[in-house]
Structure formats: structure tokens, C-alpha cells
Amino acid sequence: KMRFSFFIVVLLLASCSSKKIKDVSYLRGSNSEIANSPKMNVFVPRNSKAKQRPVLIFVHGGNWNSGRKGTYDLLGRNFAKKDVVTIIPDYILSPNADYDGMTKQIA
């Protein structure tokens, strides 16, 4: 029971040092296209004094047919805690798109 409580406290403290900006559209297009386009989560340091920060773009795996950006929130928060802006995009998965379409969304 004590270990579980400690784990919860650590998670809460880690989330306080970063801010999550959820479901940001990253493709250009009309309003209807943007509404249906994939989104990304952006994690930024909450109280950083740095004027410039490194940026990490993390593309989740899943053999092009599974996975989602939300699975990697802990990774985004941990990098942001270390003063690295972290971007984790979602992208259309197979069989709803071919490899060309998926890579164009990510590139």
C-alpha cells in the first residue's frame, strides 16, 4: 500500500513540472479537414527560464497499424521536466491509409 501511494505522489509531482497542450492540429486545410485530421500533444516545461529549448518529436511505433499518442504522455512529461519541449503526434493508421499517406502526415 505504501509503494502505491509513493508512486502516485511521484506521478503528481512529475506532472506539475510540465504542461500538456492536448490535441493540436498539425495539418493545414479547411476547417472540416482540420477537424478530422490527426492531432498532436505538446509538452512544455512549466517554469523554465530558458529562452530557447531543444525540441523532441517522438513518433510512436506500432507497425503502422496500432498505437496512439496518449500512451506516451509520461515520456512527454519527463522530457519537459528536463527542459525539452516534446511533441507526440498521432497519424492515420493502416488499413485506413497506405504507407505514403502515413509518412506524409508525419513528415
N, C-alpha and C. Protein backbone atom coordinates (compact mmCIF):
# COMPACT_ATOMS: atom_id res chain seq x y z
N LYS A 1 0.82 -1.18 0.00
CA LYS A 1 0.00 0.00 0.00
C LYS A 1 0.87 1.25 0.00
N MET A 2 1.95 1.22 0.73
CA MET A 2 2.86 2.36 0.81
C MET A 2 3.53 2.62 -0.54
N ARG A 3 3.91 1.56 -1.25
CA ARG A 3 4.54 1.73 -2.56
C ARG A 3 3.59 2.39 -3.55
N PHE A 4 2.33 1.99 -3.53
CA PHE A 4 1.34 2.58 -4.42
C PHE A 4 1.18 4.07 -4.14
N SER A 5 1.10 4.45 -2.88
CA SER A 5 0.97 5.86 -2.50
C SER A 5 2.18 6.65 -2.96
N PHE A 6 3.37 6.10 -2.78
CA PHE A 6 4.59 6.76 -3.23
C PHE A 6 4.58 6.95 -4.74
N PHE A 7 4.14 5.95 -5.47
CA PHE A 7 4.06 6.01 -6.93
C PHE A 7 3.12 7.13 -7.37
N ILE A 8 1.98 7.27 -6.71
CA ILE A 8 1.01 8.32 -7.04
C ILE A 8 1.61 9.69 -6.78
N VAL A 9 2.30 9.86 -5.67
CA VAL A 9 2.93 11.15 -5.35
C VAL A 9 3.98 11.50 -6.40
N VAL A 10 4.79 10.54 -6.81
CA VAL A 10 5.81 10.78 -7.84
C VAL A 10 5.16 11.20 -9.15
N LEU A 11 4.09 10.53 -9.55
CA LEU A 11 3.39 10.90 -10.79
C LEU A 11 2.81 12.31 -10.70
N LEU A 12 2.24 12.66 -9.60
CA LEU A 12 1.68 14.00 -9.45
C LEU A 12 2.76 15.07 -9.49
N LEU A 13 3.89 14.83 -8.84
CA LEU A 13 4.98 15.80 -8.88
C LEU A 13 5.56 15.94 -10.28
N ALA A 14 5.67 14.84 -11.00
CA ALA A 14 6.19 14.89 -12.37
C ALA A 14 5.27 15.68 -13.27
N SER A 15 3.97 15.55 -13.08
CA SER A 15 3.03 16.26 -13.95
C SER A 15 2.97 17.75 -13.63
N CYS A 16 3.37 18.15 -12.43
CA CYS A 16 3.33 19.57 -12.05
C CYS A 16 4.44 20.37 -12.71
N SER A 17 5.53 19.73 -13.09
CA SER A 17 6.66 20.46 -13.65
C SER A 17 6.54 20.64 -15.16
N SER A 18 5.46 20.16 -15.75
CA SER A 18 5.27 20.32 -17.19
C SER A 18 3.81 20.63 -17.49
N LYS A 19 3.60 21.15 -18.67
CA LYS A 19 2.24 21.47 -19.11
C LYS A 19 1.96 20.71 -20.40
N LYS A 20 0.78 20.09 -20.48
CA LYS A 20 0.39 19.35 -21.67
C LYS A 20 -0.61 20.18 -22.47
N ILE A 21 -0.29 20.40 -23.73
CA ILE A 21 -1.21 21.06 -24.65
C ILE A 21 -1.74 19.94 -25.53
N LYS A 22 -3.02 19.63 -25.38
CA LYS A 22 -3.59 18.41 -25.95
C LYS A 22 -4.30 18.67 -27.28
N ASP A 23 -4.17 17.71 -28.20
CA ASP A 23 -4.94 17.65 -29.45
C ASP A 23 -4.78 18.89 -30.34
N VAL A 24 -3.55 19.24 -30.62
CA VAL A 24 -3.24 20.36 -31.51
C VAL A 24 -3.23 19.83 -32.95
N SER A 25 -4.00 20.44 -33.84
CA SER A 25 -3.98 20.04 -35.26
C SER A 25 -2.66 20.46 -35.87
N TYR A 26 -2.08 19.59 -36.67
CA TYR A 26 -0.79 19.93 -37.26
C TYR A 26 -0.79 19.89 -38.79
N LEU A 27 -1.93 19.69 -39.40
CA LEU A 27 -2.01 19.73 -40.86
C LEU A 27 -2.79 20.96 -41.30
N ARG A 28 -2.45 21.49 -42.44
CA ARG A 28 -3.17 22.65 -42.98
C ARG A 28 -4.34 22.17 -43.83
N GLY A 29 -5.39 22.99 -43.87
CA GLY A 29 -6.55 22.65 -44.68
C GLY A 29 -7.75 23.45 -44.23
N SER A 30 -8.89 23.10 -44.78
CA SER A 30 -10.12 23.78 -44.39
C SER A 30 -10.51 23.35 -42.98
N ASN A 31 -11.48 24.04 -42.40
CA ASN A 31 -11.92 23.72 -41.04
C ASN A 31 -12.41 22.29 -40.92
N SER A 32 -13.14 21.79 -41.92
CA SER A 32 -13.64 20.42 -41.85
C SER A 32 -12.49 19.41 -41.97
N GLU A 33 -11.50 19.72 -42.79
CA GLU A 33 -10.34 18.83 -42.91
C GLU A 33 -9.55 18.81 -41.61
N ILE A 34 -9.37 19.96 -40.99
CA ILE A 34 -8.61 20.05 -39.74
C ILE A 34 -9.34 19.30 -38.62
N ALA A 35 -10.65 19.39 -38.59
CA ALA A 35 -11.43 18.71 -37.56
C ALA A 35 -11.22 17.20 -37.61
N ASN A 36 -10.99 16.65 -38.79
CA ASN A 36 -10.80 15.21 -38.96
C ASN A 36 -9.33 14.82 -39.08
N SER A 37 -8.44 15.78 -38.98
CA SER A 37 -7.02 15.48 -39.15
C SER A 37 -6.42 14.95 -37.85
N PRO A 38 -5.29 14.28 -37.95
CA PRO A 38 -4.64 13.80 -36.73
C PRO A 38 -4.17 14.98 -35.88
N LYS A 39 -4.03 14.71 -34.61
CA LYS A 39 -3.64 15.74 -33.64
C LYS A 39 -2.32 15.36 -32.99
N MET A 40 -1.73 16.32 -32.30
CA MET A 40 -0.51 16.04 -31.55
C MET A 40 -0.65 16.61 -30.14
N ASN A 41 0.07 16.02 -29.21
CA ASN A 41 0.19 16.56 -27.86
C ASN A 41 1.55 17.21 -27.75
N VAL A 42 1.58 18.36 -27.09
CA VAL A 42 2.83 19.10 -26.89
C VAL A 42 3.05 19.24 -25.39
N PHE A 43 4.24 18.90 -24.95
CA PHE A 43 4.60 19.01 -23.54
C PHE A 43 5.68 20.06 -23.41
N VAL A 44 5.45 21.03 -22.54
CA VAL A 44 6.40 22.12 -22.35
C VAL A 44 6.75 22.24 -20.87
N PRO A 45 7.97 22.68 -20.58
CA PRO A 45 8.34 22.91 -19.18
C PRO A 45 7.46 24.02 -18.60
N ARG A 46 7.04 23.88 -17.38
CA ARG A 46 6.13 24.84 -16.78
C ARG A 46 6.84 26.11 -16.32
N ASN A 47 7.95 26.02 -15.66
CA ASN A 47 8.61 27.19 -15.07
C ASN A 47 10.04 27.34 -15.56
N SER A 48 10.25 27.20 -16.83
CA SER A 48 11.60 27.28 -17.37
C SER A 48 12.02 28.74 -17.55
N LYS A 49 13.28 29.01 -17.31
CA LYS A 49 13.83 30.34 -17.51
C LYS A 49 14.56 30.45 -18.86
N ALA A 50 14.72 29.32 -19.54
CA ALA A 50 15.45 29.30 -20.81
C ALA A 50 14.66 30.02 -21.90
N LYS A 51 15.37 30.79 -22.72
CA LYS A 51 14.73 31.48 -23.84
C LYS A 51 14.55 30.53 -25.03
N GLN A 52 15.48 29.60 -25.18
CA GLN A 52 15.39 28.60 -26.23
C GLN A 52 15.53 27.22 -25.59
N ARG A 53 14.76 26.29 -26.13
CA ARG A 53 14.81 24.93 -25.61
C ARG A 53 14.91 23.95 -26.76
N PRO A 54 15.54 22.81 -26.53
CA PRO A 54 15.53 21.77 -27.57
C PRO A 54 14.11 21.22 -27.74
N VAL A 55 13.86 20.68 -28.92
CA VAL A 55 12.54 20.10 -29.23
C VAL A 55 12.75 18.65 -29.66
N LEU A 56 11.96 17.77 -29.09
CA LEU A 56 11.97 16.36 -29.44
C LEU A 56 10.63 16.02 -30.08
N ILE A 57 10.66 15.45 -31.28
CA ILE A 57 9.45 14.95 -31.91
C ILE A 57 9.50 13.44 -31.82
N PHE A 58 8.58 12.87 -31.06
CA PHE A 58 8.55 11.43 -30.82
C PHE A 58 7.39 10.83 -31.59
N VAL A 59 7.70 9.98 -32.57
CA VAL A 59 6.68 9.31 -33.37
C VAL A 59 6.51 7.90 -32.79
N HIS A 60 5.31 7.62 -32.30
CA HIS A 60 5.07 6.32 -31.66
C HIS A 60 5.17 5.20 -32.68
N GLY A 61 5.53 4.03 -32.18
CA GLY A 61 5.59 2.84 -33.01
C GLY A 61 4.26 2.12 -33.05
N GLY A 62 4.25 0.95 -33.62
CA GLY A 62 3.04 0.15 -33.67
C GLY A 62 2.87 -0.53 -35.01
N ASN A 63 3.97 -0.65 -35.76
CA ASN A 63 3.93 -1.36 -37.04
C ASN A 63 2.92 -0.74 -38.01
N TRP A 64 2.73 0.56 -37.91
CA TRP A 64 1.85 1.36 -38.78
C TRP A 64 0.37 1.01 -38.63
N ASN A 65 0.02 0.08 -37.74
CA ASN A 65 -1.40 -0.27 -37.62
C ASN A 65 -1.94 -0.21 -36.20
N SER A 66 -1.14 0.25 -35.26
CA SER A 66 -1.62 0.39 -33.89
C SER A 66 -0.80 1.46 -33.18
N GLY A 67 -1.24 1.81 -32.00
CA GLY A 67 -0.55 2.82 -31.20
C GLY A 67 -1.31 4.14 -31.22
N ARG A 68 -1.02 4.95 -30.20
CA ARG A 68 -1.64 6.27 -30.13
C ARG A 68 -0.77 7.18 -29.27
N LYS A 69 -0.91 8.46 -29.50
CA LYS A 69 -0.06 9.44 -28.83
C LYS A 69 -0.23 9.44 -27.32
N GLY A 70 -1.44 9.21 -26.82
CA GLY A 70 -1.71 9.27 -25.40
C GLY A 70 -0.95 8.25 -24.57
N THR A 71 -0.51 7.18 -25.20
CA THR A 71 0.24 6.15 -24.49
C THR A 71 1.57 6.69 -23.96
N TYR A 72 2.08 7.74 -24.59
CA TYR A 72 3.42 8.23 -24.28
C TYR A 72 3.43 9.55 -23.51
N ASP A 73 2.34 9.84 -22.80
CA ASP A 73 2.29 11.07 -22.00
C ASP A 73 3.41 11.13 -20.96
N LEU A 74 3.70 10.02 -20.32
CA LEU A 74 4.75 10.01 -19.30
C LEU A 74 6.10 10.38 -19.93
N LEU A 75 6.38 9.88 -21.11
CA LEU A 75 7.61 10.22 -21.81
C LEU A 75 7.65 11.73 -22.08
N GLY A 76 6.55 12.29 -22.60
CA GLY A 76 6.50 13.71 -22.88
C GLY A 76 6.70 14.56 -21.64
N ARG A 77 6.05 14.17 -20.56
CA ARG A 77 6.19 14.91 -19.30
C ARG A 77 7.61 14.83 -18.76
N ASN A 78 8.24 13.66 -18.86
CA ASN A 78 9.60 13.51 -18.35
C ASN A 78 10.60 14.35 -19.13
N PHE A 79 10.47 14.39 -20.44
CA PHE A 79 11.37 15.24 -21.22
C PHE A 79 11.12 16.72 -20.92
N ALA A 80 9.86 17.10 -20.80
CA ALA A 80 9.54 18.50 -20.49
C ALA A 80 10.09 18.89 -19.13
N LYS A 81 10.06 17.96 -18.20
CA LYS A 81 10.63 18.21 -16.87
C LYS A 81 12.13 18.50 -16.97
N LYS A 82 12.77 17.97 -18.00
CA LYS A 82 14.20 18.20 -18.23
C LYS A 82 14.44 19.36 -19.20
N ASP A 83 13.43 20.20 -19.40
CA ASP A 83 13.51 21.42 -20.21
C ASP A 83 13.56 21.15 -21.72
N VAL A 84 12.98 20.04 -22.14
CA VAL A 84 12.89 19.69 -23.56
C VAL A 84 11.42 19.74 -23.98
N VAL A 85 11.10 20.60 -24.94
CA VAL A 85 9.74 20.62 -25.48
C VAL A 85 9.55 19.32 -26.25
N THR A 86 8.47 18.61 -25.96
CA THR A 86 8.24 17.30 -26.57
C THR A 86 6.93 17.29 -27.33
N ILE A 87 6.99 16.85 -28.58
CA ILE A 87 5.82 16.78 -29.45
C ILE A 87 5.58 15.32 -29.79
N ILE A 88 4.35 14.86 -29.56
CA ILE A 88 3.99 13.48 -29.85
C ILE A 88 2.75 13.49 -30.75
N PRO A 89 2.95 13.24 -32.06
CA PRO A 89 1.82 13.28 -32.98
C PRO A 89 1.13 11.92 -33.13
N ASP A 90 -0.15 11.96 -33.42
CA ASP A 90 -0.86 10.79 -33.91
C ASP A 90 -0.82 10.86 -35.43
N TYR A 91 -1.10 9.77 -36.08
CA TYR A 91 -1.16 9.74 -37.54
C TYR A 91 -2.13 8.65 -37.93
N ILE A 92 -2.66 8.75 -39.12
CA ILE A 92 -3.62 7.76 -39.61
C ILE A 92 -2.92 6.40 -39.71
N LEU A 93 -3.63 5.37 -39.34
CA LEU A 93 -3.05 4.03 -39.29
C LEU A 93 -3.62 3.13 -40.38
N SER A 94 -2.89 2.08 -40.69
CA SER A 94 -3.34 1.07 -41.63
C SER A 94 -4.53 0.34 -41.01
N PRO A 95 -5.52 -0.03 -41.73
CA PRO A 95 -5.71 -0.05 -43.17
C PRO A 95 -6.38 1.22 -43.72
N ASN A 96 -6.52 2.27 -42.88
CA ASN A 96 -7.20 3.49 -43.32
C ASN A 96 -6.34 4.36 -44.23
N ALA A 97 -5.08 4.03 -44.36
CA ALA A 97 -4.17 4.77 -45.26
C ALA A 97 -3.04 3.84 -45.67
N ASP A 98 -2.39 4.21 -46.75
CA ASP A 98 -1.21 3.45 -47.16
C ASP A 98 0.03 4.09 -46.53
N TYR A 99 1.19 3.48 -46.72
CA TYR A 99 2.43 3.98 -46.11
C TYR A 99 2.76 5.38 -46.57
N ASP A 100 2.47 5.68 -47.83
CA ASP A 100 2.76 7.02 -48.35
C ASP A 100 1.95 8.07 -47.58
N GLY A 101 0.67 7.81 -47.36
CA GLY A 101 -0.17 8.74 -46.62
C GLY A 101 0.27 8.94 -45.17
N MET A 102 0.67 7.83 -44.54
CA MET A 102 1.13 7.91 -43.16
C MET A 102 2.41 8.72 -43.04
N THR A 103 3.35 8.45 -43.91
CA THR A 103 4.62 9.17 -43.83
C THR A 103 4.47 10.64 -44.19
N LYS A 104 3.57 10.96 -45.10
CA LYS A 104 3.33 12.37 -45.42
C LYS A 104 2.77 13.12 -44.22
N GLN A 105 1.92 12.48 -43.45
CA GLN A 105 1.39 13.14 -42.25
C GLN A 105 2.49 13.40 -41.23
N ILE A 106 3.39 12.48 -41.08
CA ILE A 106 4.44 12.62 -40.08
C ILE A 106 5.55 13.56 -40.57
N ALA A 107 5.85 13.50 -41.85
CA ALA A 107 6.93 14.35 -42.38
C ALA A 107 6.44 15.77 -42.47
